[in-house]
Amino acid sequence: SFSNGINAELSLSSKVVDITAETVCDVIKTRYGDMEQLVKLQGNCSSELVIKMGAALKENPNAKIILDLGDVTGLTEIPQEALAAKNALFGIILPKTGLTKIGNWALGALYNVKNIEIPASVTEIDKAAFQECISLESIVIPEGIAQISERTFNWCKKLETITIPATVTSIGFESFNGCESLTTINYAGTKDLWDEIYIDNKNECLSKATIKYGSISEIPS
């Protein structure tokens, strides 16, 4: 069910339209045109609403939506597959606070999204969370993440730079498989700590990238 009291703003050029939680999905389904259009939510948000927004994006594949959840409250998880494979999604801003988990393939196959900022509050990133985000160029993993799950960034073929905290102890099977553009790894720890990380099979591109040890300035904590 919808959480009560959500207001959303749709910014189209200089025009701003206030919409409620009950109508936000209808607004997403009826956005057309060649310009990217911002849908910004404020107030309380639920996982159920995110799933419904994902369904609305699927129904309108020709839209160009930037979904801004930055100021919402109450959203602790982007659920499994909720926003994956939505060609209408051209940008996603995750909640600044409160979000702790990105579910299995929750943001996978977002072909038109170039950048995603993972909030510092996130402590769990499930498998294949960003798999096949083929336009993604860089990513910063927050301090506190211990495991980069299997296939997390599988076939993110334009991914050039990744920032990894010293808290990471394992990198799963195919986490970075097919990341053919990866050139730089900013790692917060030392070379000795990096050598202790368990790296599973099909992550060969990690060994081809330049690792910059002690790079901590970009990692949110």
Protein backbone atom coordinates (compact mmCIF):
# COMPACT_ATOMS: atom_id res chain seq x y z
CA SER A 1 0.00 0.00 0.00
CA PHE A 2 1.06 3.59 -0.52
CA SER A 3 2.51 5.51 2.39
CA ASN A 4 0.50 8.63 3.14
CA GLY A 5 1.79 12.15 2.88
CA ILE A 6 4.23 11.88 -0.03
CA ASN A 7 4.52 14.86 -2.32
CA ALA A 8 6.35 14.60 -5.61
CA GLU A 9 7.51 17.32 -7.94
CA LEU A 10 7.78 16.86 -11.66
CA SER A 11 10.18 19.37 -13.17
CA LEU A 12 9.68 19.91 -16.90
CA SER A 13 11.70 22.87 -18.15
CA SER A 14 10.59 25.71 -15.80
CA LYS A 15 7.24 24.11 -14.99
CA VAL A 16 6.83 22.28 -11.67
CA VAL A 17 3.76 20.14 -11.02
CA ASP A 18 3.01 18.91 -7.49
CA ILE A 19 1.71 15.36 -7.41
CA THR A 20 0.82 12.96 -4.61
CA ALA A 21 1.97 9.41 -3.97
CA GLU A 22 -1.34 8.13 -5.29
CA THR A 23 -0.75 9.77 -8.68
CA VAL A 24 3.04 9.60 -9.08
CA CYS A 25 2.86 6.34 -11.03
CA ASP A 26 0.23 7.79 -13.37
CA VAL A 27 2.50 10.80 -13.96
CA ILE A 28 5.45 8.53 -14.81
CA LYS A 29 3.29 6.56 -17.23
CA THR A 30 2.21 9.72 -19.10
CA ARG A 31 5.54 11.53 -19.55
CA TYR A 32 6.57 11.90 -23.19
CA GLY A 33 8.97 13.97 -25.24
CA ASP A 34 12.65 14.13 -26.10
CA MET A 35 13.75 15.96 -22.92
CA GLU A 36 14.80 14.25 -19.71
CA GLN A 37 12.20 14.91 -17.03
CA LEU A 38 12.79 14.97 -13.27
CA VAL A 39 10.42 13.24 -10.88
CA LYS A 40 11.32 14.27 -7.33
CA LEU A 41 9.70 12.73 -4.27
CA GLN A 42 9.68 14.14 -0.74
CA GLY A 43 8.37 12.68 2.50
CA ASN A 44 7.84 9.07 3.52
CA CYS A 45 8.40 6.35 0.90
CA SER A 46 7.94 2.59 1.00
CA SER A 47 9.50 -0.33 -0.86
CA GLU A 48 6.06 -1.10 -2.22
CA LEU A 49 5.89 2.33 -3.83
CA VAL A 50 9.31 1.83 -5.44
CA ILE A 51 8.05 -1.43 -6.95
CA LYS A 52 4.97 0.38 -8.29
CA MET A 53 7.14 3.12 -9.79
CA GLY A 54 9.22 0.42 -11.49
CA ALA A 55 6.05 -1.01 -13.02
CA ALA A 56 5.04 2.46 -14.22
CA LEU A 57 8.45 2.95 -15.87
CA LYS A 58 8.04 -0.38 -17.65
CA GLU A 59 4.68 0.72 -19.05
CA ASN A 60 6.22 3.87 -20.54
CA PRO A 61 9.53 2.74 -22.10
CA ASN A 62 9.82 5.80 -24.36
CA ALA A 63 9.97 8.31 -21.50
CA LYS A 64 13.22 9.82 -20.18
CA ILE A 65 12.79 9.95 -16.41
CA ILE A 66 15.29 11.03 -13.76
CA LEU A 67 13.95 9.64 -10.48
CA ASP A 68 15.06 11.66 -7.43
CA LEU A 69 14.54 9.85 -4.12
CA GLY A 70 17.24 11.87 -2.38
CA ASP A 71 15.01 13.51 0.22
CA VAL A 72 12.59 10.69 0.97
CA THR A 73 12.37 9.09 4.42
CA GLY A 74 11.46 5.60 5.53
CA LEU A 75 12.96 3.77 2.57
CA THR A 76 15.44 1.18 3.86
CA GLU A 77 15.73 -1.06 0.79
CA ILE A 78 15.55 -0.90 -2.98
CA PRO A 79 13.78 -4.26 -3.41
CA GLN A 80 14.84 -7.11 -5.66
CA GLU A 81 14.42 -6.27 -9.37
CA ALA A 82 12.35 -3.19 -8.45
CA LEU A 83 13.89 -0.74 -10.92
CA ALA A 84 15.90 -3.11 -13.11
CA ALA A 85 15.71 -3.12 -16.91
CA LYS A 86 13.74 0.12 -17.16
CA ASN A 87 14.76 1.86 -20.41
CA ALA A 88 12.78 4.94 -19.39
CA LEU A 89 15.08 5.56 -16.42
CA PHE A 90 17.86 7.99 -17.35
CA GLY A 91 18.96 8.83 -13.82
CA ILE A 92 18.42 7.67 -10.24
CA ILE A 93 19.21 9.57 -7.03
CA LEU A 94 19.06 7.29 -4.00
CA PRO A 95 17.95 8.43 -0.51
CA LYS A 96 20.58 10.48 1.32
CA THR A 97 19.76 8.77 4.63
CA GLY A 98 18.09 5.60 5.84
CA LEU A 99 18.77 3.29 2.91
CA THR A 100 20.64 0.18 4.09
CA LYS A 101 20.21 -2.40 1.32
CA ILE A 102 20.21 -2.58 -2.47
CA GLY A 103 18.53 -5.85 -3.38
CA ASN A 104 19.25 -8.57 -5.90
CA TRP A 105 19.33 -7.02 -9.42
CA ALA A 106 17.47 -4.04 -7.97
CA LEU A 107 19.20 -1.54 -10.29
CA GLY A 108 20.45 -3.90 -12.97
CA ALA A 109 20.31 -3.34 -16.74
CA LEU A 110 19.69 0.41 -16.52
CA TYR A 111 21.16 1.01 -19.96
CA ASN A 112 20.79 4.81 -19.92
CA VAL A 113 22.13 5.60 -16.42
CA LYS A 114 25.73 6.86 -16.34
CA ASN A 115 26.19 7.59 -12.63
CA ILE A 116 24.75 6.20 -9.40
CA GLU A 117 25.83 7.44 -5.98
CA ILE A 118 25.51 4.78 -3.28
CA PRO A 119 24.64 6.48 0.04
CA ALA A 120 26.93 6.05 3.05
CA SER A 121 24.06 4.41 4.95
CA VAL A 122 24.10 1.33 2.68
CA THR A 123 25.64 -1.72 4.37
CA GLU A 124 24.49 -4.47 2.01
CA ILE A 125 24.60 -4.72 -1.77
CA ASP A 126 23.04 -7.94 -2.99
CA LYS A 127 24.17 -9.99 -5.97
CA ALA A 128 23.86 -8.56 -9.48
CA ALA A 129 22.61 -5.26 -8.02
CA PHE A 130 24.09 -3.23 -10.91
CA GLN A 131 24.62 -6.00 -13.45
CA GLU A 132 24.55 -4.84 -17.09
CA CYS A 133 24.40 -1.12 -16.32
CA ILE A 134 26.27 -0.73 -19.56
CA SER A 135 26.58 3.09 -19.41
CA LEU A 136 27.78 3.29 -15.79
CA GLU A 137 31.15 5.08 -15.73
CA SER A 138 32.18 5.18 -12.06
CA ILE A 139 31.04 3.91 -8.69
CA VAL A 140 32.02 4.49 -5.06
CA ILE A 141 31.35 1.69 -2.58
CA PRO A 142 30.63 3.05 0.92
CA GLU A 143 32.73 2.41 4.01
CA GLY A 144 31.42 -0.58 5.94
CA ILE A 145 30.62 -2.84 2.99
CA ALA A 146 32.39 -6.16 3.62
CA GLN A 147 31.45 -8.10 0.50
CA ILE A 148 31.08 -7.20 -3.14
CA SER A 149 28.59 -9.89 -4.07
CA GLU A 150 28.67 -12.09 -7.14
CA ARG A 151 27.91 -10.39 -10.45
CA THR A 152 27.42 -6.99 -8.75
CA PHE A 153 28.96 -5.08 -11.70
CA ASN A 154 28.93 -7.90 -14.24
CA TRP A 155 29.08 -6.48 -17.78
CA CYS A 156 29.24 -2.85 -16.76
CA LYS A 157 31.38 -2.45 -19.83
CA LYS A 158 31.89 1.33 -19.59
CA LEU A 159 32.89 1.30 -15.92
CA GLU A 160 36.24 3.09 -15.74
CA THR A 161 36.78 3.84 -12.05
CA ILE A 162 35.75 2.11 -8.84
CA THR A 163 36.45 3.21 -5.28
CA ILE A 164 36.64 0.41 -2.73
CA PRO A 165 36.85 0.82 1.08
CA ALA A 166 39.30 -1.09 3.27
CA THR A 167 36.33 -2.84 4.90
CA VAL A 168 35.86 -5.09 1.85
CA THR A 169 37.17 -8.62 2.49
CA SER A 170 35.77 -10.53 -0.49
CA ILE A 171 34.85 -9.97 -4.13
CA GLY A 172 32.43 -12.52 -5.51
CA PHE A 173 32.22 -14.57 -8.69
CA GLU A 174 31.93 -12.37 -11.82
CA SER A 175 31.60 -9.21 -9.71
CA PHE A 176 33.56 -7.30 -12.36
CA ASN A 177 33.31 -9.72 -15.26
CA GLY A 178 33.15 -7.90 -18.60
CA CYS A 179 34.22 -4.54 -17.15
CA GLU A 180 36.49 -4.03 -20.13
CA SER A 181 36.94 -0.27 -19.59
CA LEU A 182 38.08 -0.50 -15.97
CA THR A 183 41.36 1.36 -15.64
CA THR A 184 41.50 2.67 -12.05
CA ILE A 185 40.77 1.17 -8.63
CA ASN A 186 40.88 3.65 -5.75
CA TYR A 187 41.45 1.45 -2.70
CA ALA A 188 41.34 2.91 0.81
CA GLY A 189 43.67 0.35 2.33
CA THR A 190 47.26 -0.74 1.84
CA LYS A 191 48.66 -3.17 -0.70
CA ASP A 192 48.95 -5.79 2.06
CA LEU A 193 45.26 -5.43 2.86
CA TRP A 194 44.35 -5.64 -0.82
CA ASP A 195 46.33 -8.87 -1.15
CA GLU A 196 44.27 -10.36 1.69
CA ILE A 197 40.95 -9.81 -0.13
CA TYR A 198 39.42 -13.04 -1.42
CA ILE A 199 38.75 -12.50 -5.13
CA ASP A 200 36.65 -15.19 -6.80
CA ASN A 201 36.92 -16.29 -10.43
CA LYS A 202 36.15 -14.21 -13.53
CA ASN A 203 37.39 -10.90 -12.16
CA GLU A 204 40.47 -10.71 -14.36
CA CYS A 205 39.95 -7.04 -15.20
CA LEU A 206 40.88 -6.14 -11.61
CA SER A 207 44.43 -7.31 -12.21
CA LYS A 208 44.67 -5.17 -15.35
CA ALA A 209 43.61 -1.93 -13.67
CA THR A 210 45.86 0.51 -11.83
CA ILE A 211 45.31 0.29 -8.07
CA LYS A 212 45.80 3.51 -6.10
CA TYR A 213 46.32 2.52 -2.46
CA GLY A 214 45.24 4.79 0.37
CA SER A 215 42.62 6.56 -1.75
CA ILE A 216 39.99 7.41 0.85
CA SER A 217 38.81 10.93 0.05
CA GLU A 218 35.89 9.86 -2.15
CA ILE A 219 34.45 7.14 0.09
CA PRO A 220 31.32 8.17 1.99
CA SER A 221 31.18 7.07 5.62
